[in-house]
Structure formats: C-alpha cells, structure tokens
Amino acid sequence: MIGRVSVILFILIAGLGLSDGTAQAAMVVLLGTGTPNADPERSGPSVAIVVGNRSYLVDAGPGLVRRAATAAQKYGIEALTAPNLDMVFLTHLHSDHTVGLPDLLLTPWVLERRAPLRVFGPPGTEAMMDHLSAAYQLDIRNRTDGREPANRTGFVAHTTEIDSGLVYQDSLVRVRAYRVPHGDWADGMALAYRFETADRVIVVSGDTGPSDVIIRACAGCDVLVHEVYSAGRLALRAPEWQRYHQRAHTSAPELADVASRARPNLLVLYHQLYWGASDEELLAELTAAYSGRVVSGRDLDLFPE
C-alpha cells in the first residue's frame, strides 16, 4: 500500500514547479470519491489528471469546483484554479457524475474563465449541456447585459459526443475511451478513460461491472483508479439491491481478479460503496486475492505514480 508520507514528499519536491506550469509530470488528484450516498466527507465522483499547467477532469460530481479550489490551494496547483477548469470527460450520465456540470460551466466563468468549457461524453451529453445552458439563460443575460463585467465566451459549452477509441489529444496527453458495462445503460453509454502522458499512463474506470476491457485499457498502467463495493456488506442488503449492484458495479473480490490481470503499478479505489464497512475491511476483501500496491482513496488525495 502506498503511504501518504510518499505523497507529501512528492509535493515538497515537485510543488515548487507547479504554480508556473513548468512541471510536466502527470498527477492524479481525487476531487471527489463519493457515490449517491450523502457522505459529508466525500464529494461526488471527479478525478483530475494534471499535466503541467493543464487539468483534465473525469466526471463532474457535486462539489467539484470547490474541491478543485481546495486542491489548488493545498498543493499549489494552478491548473486546478477555477479559470483553468475548462475540460471534462464524462464516463456516463448518471446524476451523481453530472450534477456538478452547471457549477463547472458557470462558476469558473463568473471567476473570469474566458475559454469555453469543452465537454466530452457518451450520446445524450449534447442534449444535457443544451438544456443546462437554457436553464441558466436569465443568469447569463443578467451578467452579460448588466453592469457586471462578464465576458461572453466562458459560459459557452463545446460538446463532443464520443465512442470508444482516441477521443482527444494535445501536446501533453492522448485520451482513449473504452466502452464498459454498467447496469442497464446501453452499450457505449458508459465509458472508461486512458490518459497517456509523457511519463505516465492513467486509467479511470468510471462506474463499471468487472470487465476485461479495463484489463486491456490498463495493461500495466501506472495508475488505475477503479470503483469498488464491499461484497461482505452487499450480502446484508435487500435482494433487489443485490441484483442491481452485482450487475452494475465491481466487488472487491472481483476487482482483485481484474487488477491482478491488469497489473497497475498503483491501484486507487474510489466511488467506494461501503454500506458500513471500514477502509480496512474493504481492503481486506481485496488484498485476500491481490498482492499489488493499493490505496483506498479519499477526497483531495494526490498520487504521483
């Protein structure tokens, strides 16, 4: 298991170069690790891949913008300040992964983001963004037509609906999407993402049942951020919920098998469904059949490798 001391040491060593955007080493920042359960310690699911002066967000759970502001202040990461939050990749359109979108679209604009928000996601994303923009037209007109010196570009959403394959690239990163199974969502409606940078490969599972797709997407990747639930605690839930979660999500023993074959250098658990289990219990379920490095993530955790 990776220790939090190593994370702190990395920050002390690398942090001096982060604020001016000169450091290019890729980092993973957990902005939210939660689920639909209203856990006050966990915001909704959102992961930031930070490379130099750029941030690439995966999902927009509730609390995203303020968690990013906290991470920016805590670690000195300029890329996570509000005006620099301008790109997000959605894994699927469940509300716990998307209700932060109005916040991501509008709050950074109010705080002087000039660039439009670029949104990548499965079919249905464009309609969602169009409806969100329409819902806030009175706010937008008030700010742009009144005395507030608001710009006329930062509230715009540029949406790209995607399928599997290479979906984005720039000088810092290549992003590939993979179809994953997630309950009753049709094929292609739930996605995992692989981020390839100069020094690291990072895979974010999104919500998914156990899948060979993740094994292929990771294939010895540096960091695998994967959802998980406690198999022991699921057995105490109502039968209808057991059937749902077994179809829609990945148990700790199932993830142990996936990770053993995917071989990540570091496995990071997020979107943990505990149902009363502790981190120690959840990790025990996993490590009974998995010997690799693993940590159960918390909001604002930062991983250098």
C-alpha atoms as a PDB file:
ATOM      1  CA  MET A   1       0.000   0.000   0.000  1.00  0.00           C
ATOM      2  CA  ILE A   2       1.357   3.442  -0.880  1.00  0.00           C
ATOM      3  CA  GLY A   3       1.869   5.643   2.175  1.00  0.00           C
ATOM      4  CA  ARG A   4       0.588   9.186   2.496  1.00  0.00           C
ATOM      5  CA  VAL A   5       4.129  10.207   3.531  1.00  0.00           C
ATOM      6  CA  SER A   6       5.333   9.457  -0.005  1.00  0.00           C
ATOM      7  CA  VAL A   7       2.601  11.705  -1.381  1.00  0.00           C
ATOM      8  CA  ILE A   8       3.696  14.540   0.911  1.00  0.00           C
ATOM      9  CA  LEU A   9       7.347  14.072  -0.093  1.00  0.00           C
ATOM     10  CA  PHE A  10       6.410  14.262  -3.755  1.00  0.00           C
ATOM     11  CA  ILE A  11       4.565  17.519  -3.140  1.00  0.00           C
ATOM     12  CA  LEU A  12       7.553  19.015  -1.326  1.00  0.00           C
ATOM     13  CA  ILE A  13       9.897  18.006  -4.124  1.00  0.00           C
ATOM     14  CA  ALA A  14       7.711  18.848  -7.117  1.00  0.00           C
ATOM     15  CA  GLY A  15       5.455  21.558  -5.756  1.00  0.00           C
ATOM     16  CA  LEU A  16       7.834  24.436  -6.473  1.00  0.00           C
ATOM     17  CA  GLY A  17       7.357  23.939 -10.192  1.00  0.00           C
ATOM     18  CA  LEU A  18       3.615  23.519 -10.244  1.00  0.00           C
ATOM     19  CA  SER A  19       2.349  27.052  -9.918  1.00  0.00           C
ATOM     20  CA  ASP A  20       4.149  28.341 -13.017  1.00  0.00           C
ATOM     21  CA  GLY A  21       3.141  25.377 -15.174  1.00  0.00           C
ATOM     22  CA  THR A  22       6.704  24.210 -15.862  1.00  0.00           C
ATOM     23  CA  ALA A  23       6.398  20.769 -14.267  1.00  0.00           C
ATOM     24  CA  GLN A  24       5.163  18.224 -16.793  1.00  0.00           C
ATOM     25  CA  ALA A  25       4.915  15.120 -14.577  1.00  0.00           C
ATOM     26  CA  ALA A  26       1.359  13.793 -14.588  1.00  0.00           C
ATOM     27  CA  MET A  27      -0.517  13.707 -11.292  1.00  0.00           C
ATOM     28  CA  VAL A  28      -3.847  12.264 -10.211  1.00  0.00           C
ATOM     29  CA  VAL A  29      -5.964  14.342  -7.825  1.00  0.00           C
ATOM     30  CA  LEU A  30      -9.155  12.867  -6.392  1.00  0.00           C
ATOM     31  CA  LEU A  31     -11.574  15.783  -6.275  1.00  0.00           C
ATOM     32  CA  GLY A  32     -14.458  13.549  -5.235  1.00  0.00           C
ATOM     33  CA  THR A  33     -14.672   9.872  -4.349  1.00  0.00           C
ATOM     34  CA  GLY A  34     -18.315   9.619  -3.349  1.00  0.00           C
ATOM     35  CA  THR A  35     -21.465   7.884  -4.556  1.00  0.00           C
ATOM     36  CA  PRO A  36     -25.137   8.963  -4.482  1.00  0.00           C
ATOM     37  CA  ASN A  37     -24.968   8.385  -0.703  1.00  0.00           C
ATOM     38  CA  ALA A  38     -24.755  11.778   1.046  1.00  0.00           C
ATOM     39  CA  ASP A  39     -21.417  11.270   2.815  1.00  0.00           C
ATOM     40  CA  PRO A  40     -20.275  14.674   4.168  1.00  0.00           C
ATOM     41  CA  GLU A  41     -16.629  13.587   3.841  1.00  0.00           C
ATOM     42  CA  ARG A  42     -16.902  12.711   0.136  1.00  0.00           C
ATOM     43  CA  SER A  43     -17.966  14.908  -2.752  1.00  0.00           C
ATOM     44  CA  GLY A  44     -19.391  13.363  -5.898  1.00  0.00           C
ATOM     45  CA  PRO A  45     -17.057  11.466  -8.226  1.00  0.00           C
ATOM     46  CA  SER A  46     -14.498  13.568 -10.051  1.00  0.00           C
ATOM     47  CA  VAL A  47     -10.859  12.882 -10.872  1.00  0.00           C
ATOM     48  CA  ALA A  48      -8.347  15.425 -12.166  1.00  0.00           C
ATOM     49  CA  ILE A  49      -5.409  14.418 -14.323  1.00  0.00           C
ATOM     50  CA  VAL A  50      -2.940  17.297 -14.067  1.00  0.00           C
ATOM     51  CA  VAL A  51      -0.067  17.699 -16.518  1.00  0.00           C
ATOM     52  CA  GLY A  52       1.948  20.874 -16.173  1.00  0.00           C
ATOM     53  CA  ASN A  53      -0.405  23.822 -16.437  1.00  0.00           C
ATOM     54  CA  ARG A  54      -3.352  21.776 -17.747  1.00  0.00           C
ATOM     55  CA  SER A  55      -6.085  19.885 -15.932  1.00  0.00           C
ATOM     56  CA  TYR A  56      -8.243  17.183 -17.490  1.00  0.00           C
ATOM     57  CA  LEU A  57     -11.316  16.307 -15.429  1.00  0.00           C
ATOM     58  CA  VAL A  58     -13.141  12.993 -15.424  1.00  0.00           C
ATOM     59  CA  ASP A  59     -16.766  13.414 -14.310  1.00  0.00           C
ATOM     60  CA  ALA A  60     -18.448  16.320 -12.572  1.00  0.00           C
ATOM     61  CA  GLY A  61     -19.948  15.173  -9.308  1.00  0.00           C
ATOM     62  CA  PRO A  62     -21.370  17.687  -6.807  1.00  0.00           C
ATOM     63  CA  GLY A  63     -18.767  19.858  -5.099  1.00  0.00           C
ATOM     64  CA  LEU A  64     -16.275  19.676  -7.955  1.00  0.00           C
ATOM     65  CA  VAL A  65     -15.314  23.337  -8.306  1.00  0.00           C
ATOM     66  CA  ARG A  66     -14.798  23.935  -4.608  1.00  0.00           C
ATOM     67  CA  ARG A  67     -12.857  20.690  -4.189  1.00  0.00           C
ATOM     68  CA  ALA A  68     -10.643  21.808  -7.082  1.00  0.00           C
ATOM     69  CA  ALA A  69     -10.112  25.171  -5.381  1.00  0.00           C
ATOM     70  CA  THR A  70      -9.129  23.389  -2.171  1.00  0.00           C
ATOM     71  CA  ALA A  71      -6.665  21.164  -4.048  1.00  0.00           C
ATOM     72  CA  ALA A  72      -5.228  24.176  -5.890  1.00  0.00           C
ATOM     73  CA  GLN A  73      -4.583  25.943  -2.603  1.00  0.00           C
ATOM     74  CA  LYS A  74      -3.378  22.872  -0.717  1.00  0.00           C
ATOM     75  CA  TYR A  75      -0.895  21.670  -3.336  1.00  0.00           C
ATOM     76  CA  GLY A  76      -0.133  24.870  -5.247  1.00  0.00           C
ATOM     77  CA  ILE A  77      -1.635  23.516  -8.473  1.00  0.00           C
ATOM     78  CA  GLU A  78      -2.529  26.480 -10.667  1.00  0.00           C
ATOM     79  CA  ALA A  79      -4.193  24.170 -13.195  1.00  0.00           C
ATOM     80  CA  LEU A  80      -6.976  23.493 -10.669  1.00  0.00           C
ATOM     81  CA  THR A  81      -7.905  27.121 -10.048  1.00  0.00           C
ATOM     82  CA  ALA A  82     -11.362  27.990 -11.342  1.00  0.00           C
ATOM     83  CA  PRO A  83     -10.348  29.927 -14.501  1.00  0.00           C
ATOM     84  CA  ASN A  84      -8.338  26.891 -15.657  1.00  0.00           C
ATOM     85  CA  LEU A  85     -11.153  24.343 -15.350  1.00  0.00           C
ATOM     86  CA  ASP A  86     -12.159  24.102 -18.999  1.00  0.00           C
ATOM     87  CA  MET A  87     -12.260  20.419 -19.985  1.00  0.00           C
ATOM     88  CA  VAL A  88     -14.196  17.410 -18.689  1.00  0.00           C
ATOM     89  CA  PHE A  89     -14.668  13.824 -19.850  1.00  0.00           C
ATOM     90  CA  LEU A  90     -17.916  12.204 -18.674  1.00  0.00           C
ATOM     91  CA  THR A  91     -17.978   8.466 -18.021  1.00  0.00           C
ATOM     92  CA  HIS A  92     -21.775   8.282 -18.167  1.00  0.00           C
ATOM     93  CA  LEU A  93     -24.807  10.436 -17.448  1.00  0.00           C
ATOM     94  CA  HIS A  94     -25.919   9.229 -14.017  1.00  0.00           C
ATOM     95  CA  SER A  95     -26.751  12.233 -11.863  1.00  0.00           C
ATOM     96  CA  ASP A  96     -24.053  11.657  -9.236  1.00  0.00           C
ATOM     97  CA  HIS A  97     -21.449  12.035 -12.011  1.00  0.00           C
ATOM     98  CA  THR A  98     -23.032  15.073 -13.696  1.00  0.00           C
ATOM     99  CA  VAL A  99     -24.900  17.338 -11.262  1.00  0.00           C
ATOM    100  CA  GLY A 100     -21.716  19.379 -10.886  1.00  0.00           C
ATOM    101  CA  LEU A 101     -21.872  20.375 -14.570  1.00  0.00           C
ATOM    102  CA  PRO A 102     -23.793  23.658 -14.062  1.00  0.00           C
ATOM    103  CA  ASP A 103     -21.227  24.589 -11.409  1.00  0.00           C
ATOM    104  CA  LEU A 104     -18.350  23.689 -13.744  1.00  0.00           C
ATOM    105  CA  LEU A 105     -19.938  25.568 -16.642  1.00  0.00           C
ATOM    106  CA  LEU A 106     -20.814  28.781 -14.825  1.00  0.00           C
ATOM    107  CA  THR A 107     -18.771  29.306 -11.641  1.00  0.00           C
ATOM    108  CA  PRO A 108     -15.353  29.389 -13.359  1.00  0.00           C
ATOM    109  CA  TRP A 109     -16.855  31.798 -15.916  1.00  0.00           C
ATOM    110  CA  VAL A 110     -18.044  34.098 -13.127  1.00  0.00           C
ATOM    111  CA  LEU A 111     -14.488  33.836 -11.789  1.00  0.00           C
ATOM    112  CA  GLU A 112     -13.160  35.016 -15.181  1.00  0.00           C
ATOM    113  CA  ARG A 113     -12.604  31.878 -17.187  1.00  0.00           C
ATOM    114  CA  ARG A 114     -12.643  33.092 -20.790  1.00  0.00           C
ATOM    115  CA  ALA A 115     -12.321  29.756 -22.586  1.00  0.00           C
ATOM    116  CA  PRO A 116     -15.491  27.789 -23.354  1.00  0.00           C
ATOM    117  CA  LEU A 117     -15.971  24.571 -21.399  1.00  0.00           C
ATOM    118  CA  ARG A 118     -15.093  21.539 -23.515  1.00  0.00           C
ATOM    119  CA  VAL A 119     -17.278  18.546 -22.633  1.00  0.00           C
ATOM    120  CA  PHE A 120     -16.703  15.020 -23.950  1.00  0.00           C
ATOM    121  CA  GLY A 121     -19.191  12.259 -23.190  1.00  0.00           C
ATOM    122  CA  PRO A 122     -21.452   9.489 -24.465  1.00  0.00           C
ATOM    123  CA  PRO A 123     -24.611  10.031 -26.540  1.00  0.00           C
ATOM    124  CA  GLY A 124     -27.004  12.329 -24.682  1.00  0.00           C
ATOM    125  CA  THR A 125     -24.262  14.676 -23.466  1.00  0.00           C
ATOM    126  CA  GLU A 126     -25.056  17.362 -26.029  1.00  0.00           C
ATOM    127  CA  ALA A 127     -28.737  17.455 -25.097  1.00  0.00           C
ATOM    128  CA  MET A 128     -27.835  17.619 -21.403  1.00  0.00           C
ATOM    129  CA  MET A 129     -25.497  20.579 -21.935  1.00  0.00           C
ATOM    130  CA  ASP A 130     -28.011  22.370 -24.168  1.00  0.00           C
ATOM    131  CA  HIS A 131     -30.699  22.043 -21.501  1.00  0.00           C
ATOM    132  CA  LEU A 132     -28.353  23.212 -18.749  1.00  0.00           C
ATOM    133  CA  SER A 133     -27.359  26.265 -20.760  1.00  0.00           C
ATOM    134  CA  ALA A 134     -31.010  27.041 -21.443  1.00  0.00           C
ATOM    135  CA  ALA A 135     -31.884  26.682 -17.761  1.00  0.00           C
ATOM    136  CA  TYR A 136     -29.432  29.457 -16.842  1.00  0.00           C
ATOM    137  CA  GLN A 137     -30.231  31.931 -19.639  1.00  0.00           C
ATOM    138  CA  LEU A 138     -31.640  34.519 -17.231  1.00  0.00           C
ATOM    139  CA  ASP A 139     -28.457  34.358 -15.139  1.00  0.00           C
ATOM    140  CA  ILE A 140     -26.263  34.586 -18.246  1.00  0.00           C
ATOM    141  CA  ARG A 141     -28.179  37.541 -19.716  1.00  0.00           C
ATOM    142  CA  ASN A 142     -28.147  39.358 -16.393  1.00  0.00           C
ATOM    143  CA  ARG A 143     -24.385  39.035 -16.121  1.00  0.00           C
ATOM    144  CA  THR A 144     -23.588  39.848 -19.761  1.00  0.00           C
ATOM    145  CA  ASP A 145     -26.145  42.626 -20.351  1.00  0.00           C
ATOM    146  CA  GLY A 146     -25.944  44.304 -16.957  1.00  0.00           C
ATOM    147  CA  ARG A 147     -23.151  46.167 -15.177  1.00  0.00           C
ATOM    148  CA  GLU A 148     -21.187  43.033 -14.295  1.00  0.00           C
ATOM    149  CA  PRO A 149     -18.024  42.935 -16.466  1.00  0.00           C
ATOM    150  CA  ALA A 150     -18.612  39.335 -17.534  1.00  0.00           C
ATOM    151  CA  ASN A 151     -17.036  38.016 -20.719  1.00  0.00           C
ATOM    152  CA  ARG A 152     -19.176  36.484 -23.467  1.00  0.00           C
ATOM    153  CA  THR A 153     -17.198  33.279 -24.056  1.00  0.00           C
ATOM    154  CA  GLY A 154     -16.621  31.494 -20.751  1.00  0.00           C
ATOM    155  CA  PHE A 155     -20.234  30.360 -20.297  1.00  0.00           C
ATOM    156  CA  VAL A 156     -20.307  28.536 -23.646  1.00  0.00           C
ATOM    157  CA  ALA A 157     -20.152  24.717 -23.732  1.00  0.00           C
ATOM    158  CA  HIS A 158     -18.476  22.988 -26.676  1.00  0.00           C
ATOM    159  CA  THR A 159     -19.771  19.422 -26.510  1.00  0.00           C
ATOM    160  CA  THR A 160     -18.397  16.380 -28.317  1.00  0.00           C
ATOM    161  CA  GLU A 161     -20.249  13.085 -28.126  1.00  0.00           C
ATOM    162  CA  ILE A 162     -17.801  10.197 -28.334  1.00  0.00           C
ATOM    163  CA  ASP A 163     -17.498   6.443 -28.641  1.00  0.00           C
ATOM    164  CA  SER A 164     -14.540   4.161 -27.991  1.00  0.00           C
ATOM    165  CA  GLY A 165     -11.106   4.955 -29.421  1.00  0.00           C
ATOM    166  CA  LEU A 166      -8.870   8.011 -29.436  1.00  0.00           C
ATOM    167  CA  VAL A 167     -11.140  10.898 -28.439  1.00  0.00           C
ATOM    168  CA  TYR A 168      -8.703  13.729 -27.690  1.00  0.00           C
ATOM    169  CA  GLN A 169      -5.044  14.649 -27.920  1.00  0.00           C
ATOM    170  CA  ASP A 170      -2.817  17.670 -27.473  1.00  0.00           C
ATOM    171  CA  SER A 171       0.884  18.227 -26.796  1.00  0.00           C
ATOM    172  CA  LEU A 172       0.575  16.843 -23.254  1.00  0.00           C
ATOM    173  CA  VAL A 173      -1.873  13.949 -23.384  1.00  0.00           C
ATOM    174  CA  ARG A 174      -3.685  11.400 -25.521  1.00  0.00           C
ATOM    175  CA  VAL A 175      -7.090  10.276 -24.241  1.00  0.00           C
ATOM    176  CA  ARG A 176      -8.706   6.995 -25.244  1.00  0.00           C
ATOM    177  CA  ALA A 177     -12.239   5.931 -24.332  1.00  0.00           C
ATOM    178  CA  TYR A 178     -13.405   2.348 -23.738  1.00  0.00           C
ATOM    179  CA  ARG A 179     -16.944   1.003 -23.528  1.00  0.00           C
ATOM    180  CA  VAL A 180     -17.635  -0.608 -20.154  1.00  0.00           C
ATOM    181  CA  PRO A 181     -20.707  -2.433 -18.772  1.00  0.00           C
ATOM    182  CA  HIS A 182     -22.744  -0.503 -16.231  1.00  0.00           C
ATOM    183  CA  GLY A 183     -26.125  -1.924 -15.301  1.00  0.00           C
ATOM    184  CA  ASP A 184     -28.933  -1.002 -17.658  1.00  0.00           C
ATOM    185  CA  TRP A 185     -27.001   1.557 -19.685  1.00  0.00           C
ATOM    186  CA  ALA A 186     -26.844   0.520 -23.353  1.00  0.00           C
ATOM    187  CA  ASP A 187     -23.504  -0.413 -24.890  1.00  0.00           C
ATOM    188  CA  GLY A 188     -21.475   2.724 -25.493  1.00  0.00           C
ATOM    189  CA  MET A 189     -23.293   4.745 -22.825  1.00  0.00           C
ATOM    190  CA  ALA A 190     -20.728   4.090 -20.085  1.00  0.00           C
ATOM    191  CA  LEU A 191     -17.044   4.774 -20.687  1.00  0.00           C
ATOM    192  CA  ALA A 192     -13.654   4.325 -19.059  1.00  0.00           C
ATOM    193  CA  TYR A 193     -10.721   6.579 -19.999  1.00  0.00           C
ATOM    194  CA  ARG A 194      -7.000   6.009 -20.527  1.00  0.00           C
ATOM    195  CA  PHE A 195      -4.725   9.074 -20.303  1.00  0.00           C
ATOM    196  CA  GLU A 196      -1.321   8.670 -21.915  1.00  0.00           C
ATOM    197  CA  THR A 197       1.232  11.335 -20.963  1.00  0.00           C
ATOM    198  CA  ALA A 198       4.981  11.585 -21.465  1.00  0.00           C
ATOM    199  CA  ASP A 199       5.714   9.856 -18.170  1.00  0.00           C
ATOM    200  CA  ARG A 200       2.579   8.000 -17.057  1.00  0.00           C
ATOM    201  CA  VAL A 201      -0.455   6.054 -18.186  1.00  0.00           C
ATOM    202  CA  ILE A 202      -3.543   6.610 -16.026  1.00  0.00           C
ATOM    203  CA  VAL A 203      -6.840   4.746 -16.372  1.00  0.00           C
ATOM    204  CA  VAL A 204     -10.123   5.813 -14.760  1.00  0.00           C
ATOM    205  CA  SER A 205     -12.813   3.123 -14.755  1.00  0.00           C
ATOM    206  CA  GLY A 206     -15.932   5.195 -14.193  1.00  0.00           C
ATOM    207  CA  ASP A 207     -18.833   3.063 -12.979  1.00  0.00           C
ATOM    208  CA  THR A 208     -18.475  -0.466 -14.310  1.00  0.00           C
ATOM    209  CA  GLY A 209     -19.053  -4.102 -13.616  1.00  0.00           C
ATOM    210  CA  PRO A 210     -15.970  -6.355 -13.721  1.00  0.00           C
ATOM    211  CA  SER A 211     -14.656  -6.187 -17.264  1.00  0.00           C
ATOM    212  CA  ASP A 212     -11.807  -7.437 -19.419  1.00  0.00           C
ATOM    213  CA  VAL A 213     -11.982  -4.003 -21.045  1.00  0.00           C
ATOM    214  CA  ILE A 214     -10.281  -2.484 -18.005  1.00  0.00           C
ATOM    215  CA  ILE A 215      -7.600  -5.152 -18.161  1.00  0.00           C
ATOM    216  CA  ARG A 216      -6.822  -4.220 -21.773  1.00  0.00           C
ATOM    217  CA  ALA A 217      -7.049  -0.474 -21.120  1.00  0.00           C
ATOM    218  CA  CYS A 218      -4.599  -0.654 -18.209  1.00  0.00           C
ATOM    219  CA  ALA A 219      -2.181  -3.433 -19.307  1.00  0.00           C
ATOM    220  CA  GLY A 220       0.474  -2.491 -16.768  1.00  0.00           C
ATOM    221  CA  CYS A 221      -0.559   1.163 -16.474  1.00  0.00           C
ATOM    222  CA  ASP A 222       0.946   3.404 -13.827  1.00  0.00           C
ATOM    223  CA  VAL A 223      -2.294   4.247 -12.015  1.00  0.00           C
ATOM    224  CA  LEU A 224      -5.672   2.515 -12.207  1.00  0.00           C
ATOM    225  CA  VAL A 225      -8.478   4.460 -10.499  1.00  0.00           C
ATOM    226  CA  HIS A 226     -11.314   1.971 -10.092  1.00  0.00           C
ATOM    227  CA  GLU A 227     -14.726   1.855  -8.419  1.00  0.00           C
ATOM    228  CA  VAL A 228     -15.491  -0.882  -5.879  1.00  0.00           C
ATOM    229  CA  TYR A 229     -18.060  -2.183  -3.398  1.00  0.00           C
ATOM    230  CA  SER A 230     -17.867  -4.363  -0.309  1.00  0.00           C
ATOM    231  CA  ALA A 231     -19.029  -7.882  -1.142  1.00  0.00           C
ATOM    232  CA  GLY A 232     -19.495  -8.709   2.519  1.00  0.00           C
ATOM    233  CA  ARG A 233     -21.786  -5.758   3.159  1.00  0.00           C
ATOM    234  CA  LEU A 234     -23.733  -6.256  -0.079  1.00  0.00           C
ATOM    235  CA  ALA A 235     -24.886  -9.614   1.294  1.00  0.00           C
ATOM    236  CA  LEU A 236     -26.761  -7.685   4.020  1.00  0.00           C
ATOM    237  CA  ARG A 237     -28.732  -5.567   1.549  1.00  0.00           C
ATOM    238  CA  ALA A 238     -32.183  -6.258   0.127  1.00  0.00           C
ATOM    239  CA  PRO A 239     -32.270  -8.811  -2.718  1.00  0.00           C
ATOM    240  CA  GLU A 240     -33.292  -6.246  -5.341  1.00  0.00           C
ATOM    241  CA  TRP A 241     -30.295  -4.062  -4.446  1.00  0.00           C
ATOM    242  CA  GLN A 242     -28.006  -7.073  -4.510  1.00  0.00           C
ATOM    243  CA  ARG A 243     -29.156  -7.877  -8.044  1.00  0.00           C
ATOM    244  CA  TYR A 244     -28.648  -4.285  -9.157  1.00  0.00           C
ATOM    245  CA  HIS A 245     -25.157  -3.824  -7.738  1.00  0.00           C
ATOM    246  CA  GLN A 246     -23.945  -7.209  -8.930  1.00  0.00           C
ATOM    247  CA  ARG A 247     -24.863  -6.126 -12.451  1.00  0.00           C
ATOM    248  CA  ALA A 248     -23.741  -2.504 -12.288  1.00  0.00           C
ATOM    249  CA  HIS A 249     -20.609  -2.403 -10.124  1.00  0.00           C
ATOM    250  CA  THR A 250     -17.444  -4.298  -9.179  1.00  0.00           C
ATOM    251  CA  SER A 251     -16.999  -6.082  -5.847  1.00  0.00           C
ATOM    252  CA  ALA A 252     -13.671  -6.070  -4.021  1.00  0.00           C
ATOM    253  CA  PRO A 253     -13.001  -9.762  -4.852  1.00  0.00           C
ATOM    254  CA  GLU A 254     -13.916  -9.132  -8.491  1.00  0.00           C
ATOM    255  CA  LEU A 255     -11.609  -6.125  -8.597  1.00  0.00           C
ATOM    256  CA  ALA A 256      -8.819  -8.252  -7.132  1.00  0.00           C
ATOM    257  CA  ASP A 257      -9.100 -10.502 -10.192  1.00  0.00           C
ATOM    258  CA  VAL A 258      -9.280  -7.564 -12.613  1.00  0.00           C
ATOM    259  CA  ALA A 259      -6.292  -5.809 -11.037  1.00  0.00           C
ATOM    260  CA  SER A 260      -4.218  -8.995 -10.887  1.00  0.00           C
ATOM    261  CA  ARG A 261      -4.554  -9.284 -14.655  1.00  0.00           C
ATOM    262  CA  ALA A 262      -4.389  -5.547 -15.421  1.00  0.00           C
ATOM    263  CA  ARG A 263      -1.154  -5.200 -13.374  1.00  0.00           C
ATOM    264  CA  PRO A 264      -1.250  -1.482 -12.475  1.00  0.00           C
ATOM    265  CA  ASN A 265       1.719  -0.048 -10.631  1.00  0.00           C
ATOM    266  CA  LEU A 266      -0.806   1.510  -8.245  1.00  0.00           C
ATOM    267  CA  LEU A 267      -4.489   0.697  -7.766  1.00  0.00           C
ATOM    268  CA  VAL A 268      -6.571   3.547  -6.323  1.00  0.00           C
ATOM    269  CA  LEU A 269     -10.087   2.782  -5.085  1.00  0.00           C
ATOM    270  CA  TYR A 270     -12.782   5.418  -5.499  1.00  0.00           C
ATOM    271  CA  HIS A 271     -16.589   5.567  -5.651  1.00  0.00           C
ATOM    272  CA  GLN A 272     -16.428   3.075  -2.765  1.00  0.00           C
ATOM    273  CA  LEU A 273     -19.733   1.568  -1.703  1.00  0.00           C
ATOM    274  CA  TYR A 274     -19.034   0.737   1.930  1.00  0.00           C
ATOM    275  CA  TRP A 275     -22.509   0.224   3.425  1.00  0.00           C
ATOM    276  CA  GLY A 276     -20.906   0.442   6.855  1.00  0.00           C
ATOM    277  CA  ALA A 277     -17.621  -1.310   6.110  1.00  0.00           C
ATOM    278  CA  SER A 278     -14.347   0.401   7.034  1.00  0.00           C
ATOM    279  CA  ASP A 279     -11.465   1.031   4.656  1.00  0.00           C
ATOM    280  CA  GLU A 280      -9.594  -1.755   6.424  1.00  0.00           C
ATOM    281  CA  GLU A 281     -12.445  -4.209   5.796  1.00  0.00           C
ATOM    282  CA  LEU A 282     -12.756  -3.188   2.159  1.00  0.00           C
ATOM    283  CA  LEU A 283      -9.025  -3.511   1.589  1.00  0.00           C
ATOM    284  CA  ALA A 284      -9.000  -6.886   3.347  1.00  0.00           C
ATOM    285  CA  GLU A 285     -11.609  -8.184   0.884  1.00  0.00           C
ATOM    286  CA  LEU A 286      -9.410  -7.012  -1.964  1.00  0.00           C
ATOM    287  CA  THR A 287      -5.961  -7.995  -0.735  1.00  0.00           C
ATOM    288  CA  ALA A 288      -7.084 -11.525   0.096  1.00  0.00           C
ATOM    289  CA  ALA A 289      -6.552 -12.195  -3.613  1.00  0.00           C
ATOM    290  CA  TYR A 290      -4.470  -9.204  -4.770  1.00  0.00           C
ATOM    291  CA  SER A 291      -0.862  -8.535  -3.837  1.00  0.00           C
ATOM    292  CA  GLY A 292      -0.220  -5.301  -5.729  1.00  0.00           C
ATOM    293  CA  ARG A 293       0.010  -1.770  -4.332  1.00  0.00           C
ATOM    294  CA  VAL A 294      -3.406  -0.396  -3.470  1.00  0.00           C
ATOM    295  CA  VAL A 295      -4.861   2.544  -1.559  1.00  0.00           C
ATOM    296  CA  SER A 296      -8.459   3.380  -0.741  1.00  0.00           C
ATOM    297  CA  GLY A 297      -8.777   6.937  -1.975  1.00  0.00           C
ATOM    298  CA  ARG A 298     -10.226   9.923  -0.166  1.00  0.00           C
ATOM    299  CA  ASP A 299     -11.209  13.341  -1.439  1.00  0.00           C
ATOM    300  CA  LEU A 300      -8.154  15.526  -2.166  1.00  0.00           C
ATOM    301  CA  ASP A 301      -5.689  12.627  -2.255  1.00  0.00           C
ATOM    302  CA  LEU A 302      -2.866  13.234  -4.733  1.00  0.00           C
ATOM    303  CA  PHE A 303      -0.889  10.432  -6.338  1.00  0.00           C
ATOM    304  CA  PRO A 304       2.437  10.971  -8.076  1.00  0.00           C
ATOM    305  CA  GLU A 305       2.662   7.477  -9.515  1.00  0.00           C
END
